[in-house]
Amino acid sequence: MKLANVSEDLKAELFEVVLKIYMHCEGCAKEVKHCILKMEGVQTVDPNMEKNEVCVKGIMNPHKLVEFISKRGGRHAEVVKKTSVNTPGKQNKEDARSKMKKSKDDAAAPTTSHD
């Protein structure tokens, strides 16, 4: 039993999940947002009332998020899209930043002119 819990915890990684949740007014959108923010690991919640979608970003299991919304918010939710945000992506961003710094340093370096 304990191994199952460990494997579930390992599956919890940084995800960006788009959920389909029916929201007919701004009050519903606000209620859904506050409900989702109460889940441990959730970082950002962006409801889109026109599309009846909610974009959630955080360190969580997307299927557990759907269960949480059903139990705590009393709403039906479906995962439309889930994207795993990997840590190597962060390394790529850091590499890009260091390259930009390097190019700025090269541009700021004095050049010698031949008169």
PDB file of N, CA and C in Angstrom:
ATOM      1  N   MET A   1       0.812  -1.190   0.000  1.00  0.00           N
ATOM      2  CA  MET A   1       0.000   0.000   0.000  1.00  0.00           C
ATOM      3  C   MET A   1       0.857   1.256   0.000  1.00  0.00           C
ATOM      4  N   LYS A   2       1.889   1.246   0.789  1.00  0.00           N
ATOM      5  CA  LYS A   2       2.729   2.423   0.911  1.00  0.00           C
ATOM      6  C   LYS A   2       3.445   2.725  -0.410  1.00  0.00           C
ATOM      7  N   LEU A   3       3.827   1.700  -1.164  1.00  0.00           N
ATOM      8  CA  LEU A   3       4.494   1.905  -2.451  1.00  0.00           C
ATOM      9  C   LEU A   3       3.570   2.595  -3.442  1.00  0.00           C
ATOM     10  N   ALA A   4       2.289   2.324  -3.389  1.00  0.00           N
ATOM     11  CA  ALA A   4       1.329   2.970  -4.287  1.00  0.00           C
ATOM     12  C   ALA A   4       1.300   4.473  -4.018  1.00  0.00           C
ATOM     13  N   ASN A   5       1.340   4.865  -2.746  1.00  0.00           N
ATOM     14  CA  ASN A   5       1.341   6.289  -2.404  1.00  0.00           C
ATOM     15  C   ASN A   5       2.606   6.969  -2.901  1.00  0.00           C
ATOM     16  N   VAL A   6       3.723   6.314  -2.802  1.00  0.00           N
ATOM     17  CA  VAL A   6       4.987   6.879  -3.257  1.00  0.00           C
ATOM     18  C   VAL A   6       4.957   7.072  -4.766  1.00  0.00           C
ATOM     19  N   SER A   7       4.460   6.082  -5.499  1.00  0.00           N
ATOM     20  CA  SER A   7       4.405   6.204  -6.955  1.00  0.00           C
ATOM     21  C   SER A   7       3.445   7.313  -7.371  1.00  0.00           C
ATOM     22  N   GLU A   8       2.356   7.515  -6.629  1.00  0.00           N
ATOM     23  CA  GLU A   8       1.433   8.604  -6.928  1.00  0.00           C
ATOM     24  C   GLU A   8       2.107   9.949  -6.699  1.00  0.00           C
ATOM     25  N   ASP A   9       2.896  10.063  -5.636  1.00  0.00           N
ATOM     26  CA  ASP A   9       3.603  11.311  -5.354  1.00  0.00           C
ATOM     27  C   ASP A   9       4.628  11.616  -6.435  1.00  0.00           C
ATOM     28  N   LEU A  10       5.260  10.580  -6.976  1.00  0.00           N
ATOM     29  CA  LEU A  10       6.241  10.792  -8.028  1.00  0.00           C
ATOM     30  C   LEU A  10       5.577  11.287  -9.309  1.00  0.00           C
ATOM     31  N   LYS A  11       4.323  10.897  -9.516  1.00  0.00           N
ATOM     32  CA  LYS A  11       3.604  11.318 -10.709  1.00  0.00           C
ATOM     33  C   LYS A  11       3.223  12.797 -10.638  1.00  0.00           C
ATOM     34  N   ALA A  12       3.149  13.350  -9.443  1.00  0.00           N
ATOM     35  CA  ALA A  12       2.795  14.756  -9.275  1.00  0.00           C
ATOM     36  C   ALA A  12       3.990  15.610  -9.689  1.00  0.00           C
ATOM     37  N   GLU A  13       3.830  16.278 -10.822  1.00  0.00           N
ATOM     38  CA  GLU A  13       4.878  17.152 -11.326  1.00  0.00           C
ATOM     39  C   GLU A  13       4.222  18.422 -11.827  1.00  0.00           C
ATOM     40  N   LEU A  14       5.007  19.356 -12.317  1.00  0.00           N
ATOM     41  CA  LEU A  14       4.470  20.634 -12.765  1.00  0.00           C
ATOM     42  C   LEU A  14       3.682  20.431 -14.050  1.00  0.00           C
ATOM     43  N   PHE A  15       2.384  20.712 -13.974  1.00  0.00           N
ATOM     44  CA  PHE A  15       1.492  20.553 -15.107  1.00  0.00           C
ATOM     45  C   PHE A  15       0.776  21.854 -15.412  1.00  0.00           C
ATOM     46  N   GLU A  16       0.424  22.021 -16.669  1.00  0.00           N
ATOM     47  CA  GLU A  16      -0.514  23.054 -17.085  1.00  0.00           C
ATOM     48  C   GLU A  16      -1.698  22.289 -17.659  1.00  0.00           C
ATOM     49  N   VAL A  17      -2.846  22.410 -17.002  1.00  0.00           N
ATOM     50  CA  VAL A  17      -4.020  21.614 -17.349  1.00  0.00           C
ATOM     51  C   VAL A  17      -5.152  22.548 -17.759  1.00  0.00           C
ATOM     52  N   VAL A  18      -5.822  22.208 -18.859  1.00  0.00           N
ATOM     53  CA  VAL A  18      -7.017  22.928 -19.280  1.00  0.00           C
ATOM     54  C   VAL A  18      -8.205  22.025 -18.987  1.00  0.00           C
ATOM     55  N   LEU A  19      -9.130  22.546 -18.180  1.00  0.00           N
ATOM     56  CA  LEU A  19     -10.311  21.790 -17.782  1.00  0.00           C
ATOM     57  C   LEU A  19     -11.567  22.384 -18.404  1.00  0.00           C
ATOM     58  N   LYS A  20     -12.509  21.519 -18.729  1.00  0.00           N
ATOM     59  CA  LYS A  20     -13.816  21.943 -19.217  1.00  0.00           C
ATOM     60  C   LYS A  20     -14.759  21.920 -18.031  1.00  0.00           C
ATOM     61  N   ILE A  21     -15.237  23.097 -17.612  1.00  0.00           N
ATOM     62  CA  ILE A  21     -16.157  23.225 -16.482  1.00  0.00           C
ATOM     63  C   ILE A  21     -17.236  24.232 -16.880  1.00  0.00           C
ATOM     64  N   TYR A  22     -18.494  23.865 -16.730  1.00  0.00           N
ATOM     65  CA  TYR A  22     -19.582  24.771 -17.084  1.00  0.00           C
ATOM     66  C   TYR A  22     -19.659  25.902 -16.065  1.00  0.00           C
ATOM     67  N   MET A  23     -19.583  27.136 -16.577  1.00  0.00           N
ATOM     68  CA  MET A  23     -19.711  28.343 -15.759  1.00  0.00           C
ATOM     69  C   MET A  23     -20.623  29.302 -16.519  1.00  0.00           C
ATOM     70  N   HIS A  24     -21.784  29.621 -15.956  1.00  0.00           N
ATOM     71  CA  HIS A  24     -22.722  30.480 -16.684  1.00  0.00           C
ATOM     72  C   HIS A  24     -22.623  31.957 -16.320  1.00  0.00           C
ATOM     73  N   CYS A  25     -21.860  32.290 -15.270  1.00  0.00           N
ATOM     74  CA  CYS A  25     -21.728  33.699 -14.890  1.00  0.00           C
ATOM     75  C   CYS A  25     -20.372  33.940 -14.221  1.00  0.00           C
ATOM     76  N   GLU A  26     -20.075  35.207 -13.969  1.00  0.00           N
ATOM     77  CA  GLU A  26     -18.813  35.573 -13.318  1.00  0.00           C
ATOM     78  C   GLU A  26     -18.729  35.003 -11.901  1.00  0.00           C
ATOM     79  N   GLY A  27     -19.856  34.891 -11.237  1.00  0.00           N
ATOM     80  CA  GLY A  27     -19.890  34.316  -9.893  1.00  0.00           C
ATOM     81  C   GLY A  27     -19.428  32.864  -9.899  1.00  0.00           C
ATOM     82  N   CYS A  28     -19.872  32.121 -10.927  1.00  0.00           N
ATOM     83  CA  CYS A  28     -19.450  30.718 -11.067  1.00  0.00           C
ATOM     84  C   CYS A  28     -17.943  30.643 -11.295  1.00  0.00           C
ATOM     85  N   ALA A  29     -17.434  31.504 -12.173  1.00  0.00           N
ATOM     86  CA  ALA A  29     -16.005  31.513 -12.491  1.00  0.00           C
ATOM     87  C   ALA A  29     -15.188  31.807 -11.234  1.00  0.00           C
ATOM     88  N   LYS A  30     -15.663  32.774 -10.449  1.00  0.00           N
ATOM     89  CA  LYS A  30     -14.965  33.137  -9.209  1.00  0.00           C
ATOM     90  C   LYS A  30     -15.004  31.985  -8.206  1.00  0.00           C
ATOM     91  N   GLU A  31     -16.151  31.331  -8.106  1.00  0.00           N
ATOM     92  CA  GLU A  31     -16.307  30.199  -7.184  1.00  0.00           C
ATOM     93  C   GLU A  31     -15.383  29.042  -7.571  1.00  0.00           C
ATOM     94  N   VAL A  32     -15.319  28.746  -8.862  1.00  0.00           N
ATOM     95  CA  VAL A  32     -14.457  27.672  -9.364  1.00  0.00           C
ATOM     96  C   VAL A  32     -12.994  27.997  -9.081  1.00  0.00           C
ATOM     97  N   LYS A  33     -12.614  29.244  -9.337  1.00  0.00           N
ATOM     98  CA  LYS A  33     -11.228  29.669  -9.120  1.00  0.00           C
ATOM     99  C   LYS A  33     -10.833  29.498  -7.653  1.00  0.00           C
ATOM    100  N   HIS A  34     -11.681  29.962  -6.746  1.00  0.00           N
ATOM    101  CA  HIS A  34     -11.363  29.855  -5.318  1.00  0.00           C
ATOM    102  C   HIS A  34     -11.310  28.398  -4.856  1.00  0.00           C
ATOM    103  N   CYS A  35     -12.184  27.579  -5.396  1.00  0.00           N
ATOM    104  CA  CYS A  35     -12.192  26.154  -5.049  1.00  0.00           C
ATOM    105  C   CYS A  35     -10.875  25.505  -5.466  1.00  0.00           C
ATOM    106  N   ILE A  36     -10.457  25.757  -6.708  1.00  0.00           N
ATOM    107  CA  ILE A  36      -9.244  25.129  -7.240  1.00  0.00           C
ATOM    108  C   ILE A  36      -8.005  25.626  -6.502  1.00  0.00           C
ATOM    109  N   LEU A  37      -7.985  26.922  -6.149  1.00  0.00           N
ATOM    110  CA  LEU A  37      -6.831  27.472  -5.433  1.00  0.00           C
ATOM    111  C   LEU A  37      -6.631  26.831  -4.056  1.00  0.00           C
ATOM    112  N   LYS A  38      -7.681  26.212  -3.517  1.00  0.00           N
ATOM    113  CA  LYS A  38      -7.564  25.556  -2.216  1.00  0.00           C
ATOM    114  C   LYS A  38      -6.815  24.229  -2.299  1.00  0.00           C
ATOM    115  N   MET A  39      -6.669  23.693  -3.515  1.00  0.00           N
ATOM    116  CA  MET A  39      -5.955  22.420  -3.664  1.00  0.00           C
ATOM    117  C   MET A  39      -4.465  22.634  -3.499  1.00  0.00           C
ATOM    118  N   GLU A  40      -3.842  21.749  -2.750  1.00  0.00           N
ATOM    119  CA  GLU A  40      -2.409  21.830  -2.500  1.00  0.00           C
ATOM    120  C   GLU A  40      -1.636  21.646  -3.809  1.00  0.00           C
ATOM    121  N   GLY A  41      -0.674  22.525  -4.067  1.00  0.00           N
ATOM    122  CA  GLY A  41       0.171  22.425  -5.246  1.00  0.00           C
ATOM    123  C   GLY A  41      -0.248  23.326  -6.398  1.00  0.00           C
ATOM    124  N   VAL A  42      -1.476  23.838  -6.359  1.00  0.00           N
ATOM    125  CA  VAL A  42      -1.960  24.708  -7.431  1.00  0.00           C
ATOM    126  C   VAL A  42      -1.301  26.075  -7.301  1.00  0.00           C
ATOM    127  N   GLN A  43      -0.753  26.567  -8.427  1.00  0.00           N
ATOM    128  CA  GLN A  43      -0.072  27.859  -8.424  1.00  0.00           C
ATOM    129  C   GLN A  43      -0.929  28.959  -9.041  1.00  0.00           C
ATOM    130  N   THR A  44      -1.487  28.702 -10.234  1.00  0.00           N
ATOM    131  CA  THR A  44      -2.318  29.710 -10.891  1.00  0.00           C
ATOM    132  C   THR A  44      -3.593  29.076 -11.438  1.00  0.00           C
ATOM    133  N   VAL A  45      -4.662  29.865 -11.447  1.00  0.00           N
ATOM    134  CA  VAL A  45      -5.946  29.439 -11.998  1.00  0.00           C
ATOM    135  C   VAL A  45      -6.461  30.579 -12.860  1.00  0.00           C
ATOM    136  N   ASP A  46      -6.778  30.268 -14.126  1.00  0.00           N
ATOM    137  CA  ASP A  46      -7.259  31.286 -15.053  1.00  0.00           C
ATOM    138  C   ASP A  46      -8.550  30.809 -15.713  1.00  0.00           C
ATOM    139  N   PRO A  47      -9.715  31.205 -15.146  1.00  0.00           N
ATOM    140  CA  PRO A  47     -10.982  30.765 -15.746  1.00  0.00           C
ATOM    141  C   PRO A  47     -11.326  31.584 -16.992  1.00  0.00           C
ATOM    142  N   ASN A  48     -11.888  30.916 -18.009  1.00  0.00           N
ATOM    143  CA  ASN A  48     -12.358  31.569 -19.222  1.00  0.00           C
ATOM    144  C   ASN A  48     -13.835  31.215 -19.352  1.00  0.00           C
ATOM    145  N   MET A  49     -14.699  32.131 -18.936  1.00  0.00           N
ATOM    146  CA  MET A  49     -16.126  31.866 -18.874  1.00  0.00           C
ATOM    147  C   MET A  49     -16.734  31.649 -20.262  1.00  0.00           C
ATOM    148  N   GLU A  50     -16.251  32.389 -21.258  1.00  0.00           N
ATOM    149  CA  GLU A  50     -16.803  32.281 -22.613  1.00  0.00           C
ATOM    150  C   GLU A  50     -16.608  30.881 -23.197  1.00  0.00           C
ATOM    151  N   LYS A  51     -15.447  30.277 -22.939  1.00  0.00           N
ATOM    152  CA  LYS A  51     -15.144  28.945 -23.462  1.00  0.00           C
ATOM    153  C   LYS A  51     -15.503  27.831 -22.480  1.00  0.00           C
ATOM    154  N   ASN A  52     -15.928  28.202 -21.267  1.00  0.00           N
ATOM    155  CA  ASN A  52     -16.185  27.230 -20.200  1.00  0.00           C
ATOM    156  C   ASN A  52     -14.948  26.381 -19.934  1.00  0.00           C
ATOM    157  N   GLU A  53     -13.782  27.038 -19.896  1.00  0.00           N
ATOM    158  CA  GLU A  53     -12.520  26.360 -19.633  1.00  0.00           C
ATOM    159  C   GLU A  53     -11.786  27.056 -18.490  1.00  0.00           C
ATOM    160  N   VAL A  54     -10.983  26.270 -17.798  1.00  0.00           N
ATOM    161  CA  VAL A  54     -10.144  26.796 -16.724  1.00  0.00           C
ATOM    162  C   VAL A  54      -8.736  26.265 -16.938  1.00  0.00           C
ATOM    163  N   CYS A  55      -7.762  27.169 -17.000  1.00  0.00           N
ATOM    164  CA  CYS A  55      -6.364  26.778 -17.142  1.00  0.00           C
ATOM    165  C   CYS A  55      -5.738  26.790 -15.745  1.00  0.00           C
ATOM    166  N   VAL A  56      -5.212  25.651 -15.342  1.00  0.00           N
ATOM    167  CA  VAL A  56      -4.633  25.504 -14.002  1.00  0.00           C
ATOM    168  C   VAL A  56      -3.176  25.100 -14.148  1.00  0.00           C
ATOM    169  N   LYS A  57      -2.301  25.779 -13.417  1.00  0.00           N
ATOM    170  CA  LYS A  57      -0.879  25.460 -13.448  1.00  0.00           C
ATOM    171  C   LYS A  57      -0.424  25.169 -12.022  1.00  0.00           C
ATOM    172  N   GLY A  58       0.338  24.087 -11.871  1.00  0.00           N
ATOM    173  CA  GLY A  58       0.834  23.753 -10.549  1.00  0.00           C
ATOM    174  C   GLY A  58       1.418  22.363 -10.493  1.00  0.00           C
ATOM    175  N   ILE A  59       1.884  22.022  -9.311  1.00  0.00           N
ATOM    176  CA  ILE A  59       2.476  20.706  -9.073  1.00  0.00           C
ATOM    177  C   ILE A  59       1.382  19.826  -8.484  1.00  0.00           C
ATOM    178  N   MET A  60       0.712  19.089  -9.379  1.00  0.00           N
ATOM    179  CA  MET A  60      -0.394  18.246  -8.941  1.00  0.00           C
ATOM    180  C   MET A  60      -0.644  17.168  -9.973  1.00  0.00           C
ATOM    181  N   ASN A  61      -1.459  16.213  -9.597  1.00  0.00           N
ATOM    182  CA  ASN A  61      -1.895  15.167 -10.505  1.00  0.00           C
ATOM    183  C   ASN A  61      -3.209  15.644 -11.134  1.00  0.00           C
ATOM    184  N   PRO A  62      -3.291  15.772 -12.466  1.00  0.00           N
ATOM    185  CA  PRO A  62      -4.497  16.298 -13.102  1.00  0.00           C
ATOM    186  C   PRO A  62      -5.771  15.524 -12.761  1.00  0.00           C
ATOM    187  N   HIS A  63      -5.670  14.206 -12.632  1.00  0.00           N
ATOM    188  CA  HIS A  63      -6.858  13.410 -12.314  1.00  0.00           C
ATOM    189  C   HIS A  63      -7.320  13.657 -10.877  1.00  0.00           C
ATOM    190  N   LYS A  64      -6.381  13.889  -9.981  1.00  0.00           N
ATOM    191  CA  LYS A  64      -6.735  14.215  -8.594  1.00  0.00           C
ATOM    192  C   LYS A  64      -7.377  15.602  -8.535  1.00  0.00           C
ATOM    193  N   LEU A  65      -6.965  16.491  -9.435  1.00  0.00           N
ATOM    194  CA  LEU A  65      -7.564  17.824  -9.513  1.00  0.00           C
ATOM    195  C   LEU A  65      -9.042  17.710  -9.885  1.00  0.00           C
ATOM    196  N   VAL A  66      -9.351  16.865 -10.854  1.00  0.00           N
ATOM    197  CA  VAL A  66     -10.748  16.650 -11.268  1.00  0.00           C
ATOM    198  C   VAL A  66     -11.565  16.090 -10.103  1.00  0.00           C
ATOM    199  N   GLU A  67     -10.995  15.126  -9.377  1.00  0.00           N
ATOM    200  CA  GLU A  67     -11.673  14.554  -8.210  1.00  0.00           C
ATOM    201  C   GLU A  67     -11.909  15.621  -7.143  1.00  0.00           C
ATOM    202  N   PHE A  68     -10.901  16.466  -6.922  1.00  0.00           N
ATOM    203  CA  PHE A  68     -10.983  17.531  -5.919  1.00  0.00           C
ATOM    204  C   PHE A  68     -12.130  18.485  -6.253  1.00  0.00           C
ATOM    205  N   ILE A  69     -12.223  18.882  -7.524  1.00  0.00           N
ATOM    206  CA  ILE A  69     -13.269  19.815  -7.950  1.00  0.00           C
ATOM    207  C   ILE A  69     -14.649  19.180  -7.776  1.00  0.00           C
ATOM    208  N   SER A  70     -14.742  17.908  -8.086  1.00  0.00           N
ATOM    209  CA  SER A  70     -16.013  17.200  -7.951  1.00  0.00           C
ATOM    210  C   SER A  70     -16.448  17.124  -6.484  1.00  0.00           C
ATOM    211  N   LYS A  71     -15.511  16.788  -5.603  1.00  0.00           N
ATOM    212  CA  LYS A  71     -15.837  16.629  -4.190  1.00  0.00           C
ATOM    213  C   LYS A  71     -16.031  17.968  -3.488  1.00  0.00           C
ATOM    214  N   ARG A  72     -15.096  18.902  -3.683  1.00  0.00           N
ATOM    215  CA  ARG A  72     -15.135  20.168  -2.942  1.00  0.00           C
ATOM    216  C   ARG A  72     -16.037  21.221  -3.589  1.00  0.00           C
ATOM    217  N   GLY A  73     -16.051  21.237  -4.928  1.00  0.00           N
ATOM    218  CA  GLY A  73     -16.829  22.267  -5.610  1.00  0.00           C
ATOM    219  C   GLY A  73     -18.175  21.795  -6.109  1.00  0.00           C
ATOM    220  N   GLY A  74     -18.380  20.477  -6.132  1.00  0.00           N
ATOM    221  CA  GLY A  74     -19.645  19.938  -6.599  1.00  0.00           C
ATOM    222  C   GLY A  74     -19.889  20.158  -8.083  1.00  0.00           C
ATOM    223  N   ARG A  75     -18.817  20.278  -8.861  1.00  0.00           N
ATOM    224  CA  ARG A  75     -18.934  20.523 -10.299  1.00  0.00           C
ATOM    225  C   ARG A  75     -18.274  19.407 -11.090  1.00  0.00           C
ATOM    226  N   HIS A  76     -18.820  19.171 -12.273  1.00  0.00           N
ATOM    227  CA  HIS A  76     -18.245  18.187 -13.178  1.00  0.00           C
ATOM    228  C   HIS A  76     -17.128  18.855 -13.973  1.00  0.00           C
ATOM    229  N   ALA A  77     -15.962  18.239 -14.001  1.00  0.00           N
ATOM    230  CA  ALA A  77     -14.820  18.778 -14.738  1.00  0.00           C
ATOM    231  C   ALA A  77     -14.207  17.675 -15.589  1.00  0.00           C
ATOM    232  N   GLU A  78     -13.728  18.054 -16.770  1.00  0.00           N
ATOM    233  CA  GLU A  78     -13.047  17.123 -17.662  1.00  0.00           C
ATOM    234  C   GLU A  78     -11.717  17.724 -18.079  1.00  0.00           C
ATOM    235  N   VAL A  79     -10.694  16.882 -18.188  1.00  0.00           N
ATOM    236  CA  VAL A  79      -9.391  17.338 -18.657  1.00  0.00           C
ATOM    237  C   VAL A  79      -9.461  17.431 -20.179  1.00  0.00           C
ATOM    238  N   VAL A  80      -9.261  18.647 -20.707  1.00  0.00           N
ATOM    239  CA  VAL A  80      -9.260  18.863 -22.150  1.00  0.00           C
ATOM    240  C   VAL A  80      -7.843  18.708 -22.687  1.00  0.00           C
ATOM    241  N   LYS A  81      -6.895  19.263 -21.935  1.00  0.00           N
ATOM    242  CA  LYS A  81      -5.495  19.241 -22.366  1.00  0.00           C
ATOM    243  C   LYS A  81      -4.615  19.296 -21.132  1.00  0.00           C
ATOM    244  N   LYS A  82      -3.565  18.481 -21.139  1.00  0.00           N
ATOM    245  CA  LYS A  82      -2.597  18.575 -20.043  1.00  0.00           C
ATOM    246  C   LYS A  82      -1.200  18.592 -20.642  1.00  0.00           C
ATOM    247  N   THR A  83      -0.404  19.511 -20.138  1.00  0.00           N
ATOM    248  CA  THR A  83       0.960  19.676 -20.616  1.00  0.00           C
ATOM    249  C   THR A  83       1.891  19.594 -19.420  1.00  0.00           C
ATOM    250  N   SER A  84       2.868  18.721 -19.519  1.00  0.00           N
ATOM    251  CA  SER A  84       3.854  18.605 -18.463  1.00  0.00           C
ATOM    252  C   SER A  84       4.933  19.658 -18.702  1.00  0.00           C
ATOM    253  N   VAL A  85       5.158  20.493 -17.714  1.00  0.00           N
ATOM    254  CA  VAL A  85       6.190  21.517 -17.811  1.00  0.00           C
ATOM    255  C   VAL A  85       7.439  20.940 -17.170  1.00  0.00           C
ATOM    256  N   ASN A  86       8.395  20.537 -18.002  1.00  0.00           N
ATOM    257  CA  ASN A  86       9.594  19.841 -17.523  1.00  0.00           C
ATOM    258  C   ASN A  86      10.621  20.808 -16.972  1.00  0.00           C
ATOM    259  N   THR A  87      11.456  20.308 -16.072  1.00  0.00           N
ATOM    260  CA  THR A  87      12.560  21.109 -15.575  1.00  0.00           C
ATOM    261  C   THR A  87      13.615  21.355 -16.650  1.00  0.00           C
ATOM    262  N   PRO A  88      13.830  20.436 -17.634  1.00  0.00           N
ATOM    263  CA  PRO A  88      14.778  20.773 -18.692  1.00  0.00           C
ATOM    264  C   PRO A  88      14.360  22.022 -19.458  1.00  0.00           C
ATOM    265  N   GLY A  89      13.060  22.291 -19.522  1.00  0.00           N
ATOM    266  CA  GLY A  89      12.592  23.519 -20.160  1.00  0.00           C
ATOM    267  C   GLY A  89      13.108  24.739 -19.429  1.00  0.00           C
ATOM    268  N   LYS A  90      13.164  24.645 -18.107  1.00  0.00           N
ATOM    269  CA  LYS A  90      13.706  25.744 -17.316  1.00  0.00           C
ATOM    270  C   LYS A  90      15.182  25.927 -17.621  1.00  0.00           C
ATOM    271  N   GLN A  91      15.884  24.816 -17.798  1.00  0.00           N
ATOM    272  CA  GLN A  91      17.300  24.913 -18.126  1.00  0.00           C
ATOM    273  C   GLN A  91      17.480  25.580 -19.476  1.00  0.00           C
ATOM    274  N   ASN A  92      16.614  25.280 -20.431  1.00  0.00           N
ATOM    275  CA  ASN A  92      16.693  25.912 -21.740  1.00  0.00           C
ATOM    276  C   ASN A  92      16.469  27.414 -21.629  1.00  0.00           C
ATOM    277  N   LYS A  93      15.548  27.834 -20.776  1.00  0.00           N
ATOM    278  CA  LYS A  93      15.304  29.262 -20.568  1.00  0.00           C
ATOM    279  C   LYS A  93      16.533  29.920 -19.955  1.00  0.00           C
ATOM    280  N   GLU A  94      17.142  29.220 -18.986  1.00  0.00           N
ATOM    281  CA  GLU A  94      18.341  29.766 -18.353  1.00  0.00           C
ATOM    282  C   GLU A  94      19.480  29.874 -19.364  1.00  0.00           C
ATOM    283  N   ASP A  95      19.615  28.875 -20.238  1.00  0.00           N
ATOM    284  CA  ASP A  95      20.632  28.928 -21.283  1.00  0.00           C
ATOM    285  C   ASP A  95      20.386  30.104 -22.210  1.00  0.00           C
ATOM    286  N   ALA A  96      19.133  30.329 -22.566  1.00  0.00           N
ATOM    287  CA  ALA A  96      18.792  31.447 -23.447  1.00  0.00           C
ATOM    288  C   ALA A  96      19.125  32.776 -22.768  1.00  0.00           C
ATOM    289  N   ARG A  97      18.835  32.869 -21.477  1.00  0.00           N
ATOM    290  CA  ARG A  97      19.143  34.101 -20.735  1.00  0.00           C
ATOM    291  C   ARG A  97      20.649  34.337 -20.685  1.00  0.00           C
ATOM    292  N   SER A  98      21.415  33.273 -20.440  1.00  0.00           N
ATOM    293  CA  SER A  98      22.865  33.439 -20.358  1.00  0.00           C
ATOM    294  C   SER A  98      23.428  33.831 -21.724  1.00  0.00           C
ATOM    295  N   LYS A  99      22.853  33.304 -22.801  1.00  0.00           N
ATOM    296  CA  LYS A  99      23.294  33.692 -24.147  1.00  0.00           C
ATOM    297  C   LYS A  99      22.976  35.154 -24.411  1.00  0.00           C
ATOM    298  N   MET A 100      21.797  35.607 -23.946  1.00  0.00           N
ATOM    299  CA  MET A 100      21.428  37.012 -24.135  1.00  0.00           C
ATOM    300  C   MET A 100      22.377  37.919 -23.367  1.00  0.00           C
ATOM    301  N   LYS A 101      22.713  37.521 -22.134  1.00  0.00           N
ATOM    302  CA  LYS A 101      23.655  38.298 -21.334  1.00  0.00           C
ATOM    303  C   LYS A 101      24.998  38.382 -22.035  1.00  0.00           C
ATOM    304  N   LYS A 102      25.426  37.250 -22.557  1.00  0.00           N
ATOM    305  CA  LYS A 102      26.714  37.182 -23.227  1.00  0.00           C
ATOM    306  C   LYS A 102      26.727  38.097 -24.444  1.00  0.00           C
ATOM    307  N   SER A 103      25.652  38.093 -25.223  1.00  0.00           N
ATOM    308  CA  SER A 103      25.602  38.942 -26.411  1.00  0.00           C
ATOM    309  C   SER A 103      25.558  40.416 -26.018  1.00  0.00           C
ATOM    310  N   LYS A 104      24.893  40.745 -24.899  1.00  0.00           N
ATOM    311  CA  LYS A 104      24.880  42.136 -24.423  1.00  0.00           C
ATOM    312  C   LYS A 104      26.273  42.557 -23.967  1.00  0.00           C
ATOM    313  N   ASP A 105      26.977  41.640 -23.295  1.00  0.00           N
ATOM    314  CA  ASP A 105      28.331  41.937 -22.839  1.00  0.00           C
ATOM    315  C   ASP A 105      29.257  42.162 -24.031  1.00  0.00           C
ATOM    316  N   ASP A 106      29.091  41.349 -25.063  1.00  0.00           N
ATOM    317  CA  ASP A 106      29.905  41.503 -26.264  1.00  0.00           C
ATOM    318  C   ASP A 106      29.602  42.828 -26.953  1.00  0.00           C
ATOM    319  N   ALA A 107      28.342  43.229 -26.962  1.00  0.00           N
ATOM    320  CA  ALA A 107      27.970  44.481 -27.602  1.00  0.00           C
ATOM    321  C   ALA A 107      28.479  45.673 -26.809  1.00  0.00           C
ATOM    322  N   ALA A 108      28.575  45.529 -25.498  1.00  0.00           N
ATOM    323  CA  ALA A 108      29.027  46.621 -24.646  1.00  0.00           C
ATOM    324  C   ALA A 108      30.561  46.734 -24.616  1.00  0.00           C
ATOM    325  N   ALA A 109      31.241  45.724 -25.063  1.00  0.00           N
ATOM    326  CA  ALA A 109      32.706  45.742 -25.039  1.00  0.00           C
ATOM    327  C   ALA A 109      33.214  46.817 -26.008  1.00  0.00           C
ATOM    328  N   PRO A 110      34.252  47.555 -25.603  1.00  0.00           N
ATOM    329  CA  PRO A 110      34.768  48.622 -26.462  1.00  0.00           C
ATOM    330  C   PRO A 110      35.423  48.027 -27.722  1.00  0.00           C
ATOM    331  N   THR A 111      35.219  48.699 -28.808  1.00  0.00           N
ATOM    332  CA  THR A 111      35.828  48.269 -30.051  1.00  0.00           C
ATOM    333  C   THR A 111      36.981  49.209 -30.388  1.00  0.00           C
ATOM    334  N   THR A 112      37.980  48.693 -31.016  1.00  0.00           N
ATOM    335  CA  THR A 112      39.122  49.520 -31.400  1.00  0.00           C
ATOM    336  C   THR A 112      38.918  50.001 -32.818  1.00  0.00           C
ATOM    337  N   SER A 113      39.211  51.248 -33.017  1.00  0.00           N
ATOM    338  CA  SER A 113      39.053  51.804 -34.365  1.00  0.00           C
ATOM    339  C   SER A 113      40.440  52.124 -34.915  1.00  0.00           C
ATOM    340  N   HIS A 114      40.599  51.950 -36.185  1.00  0.00           N
ATOM    341  CA  HIS A 114      41.859  52.231 -36.857  1.00  0.00           C
ATOM    342  C   HIS A 114      41.762  53.585 -37.536  1.00  0.00           C
ATOM    343  N   ASP A 115      42.444  54.597 -37.019  1.00  0.00           N
ATOM    344  CA  ASP A 115      42.402  55.956 -37.578  1.00  0.00           C
ATOM    345  C   ASP A 115      43.564  56.172 -38.487  1.00  0.00           C
TER     346      ASP A 115
END
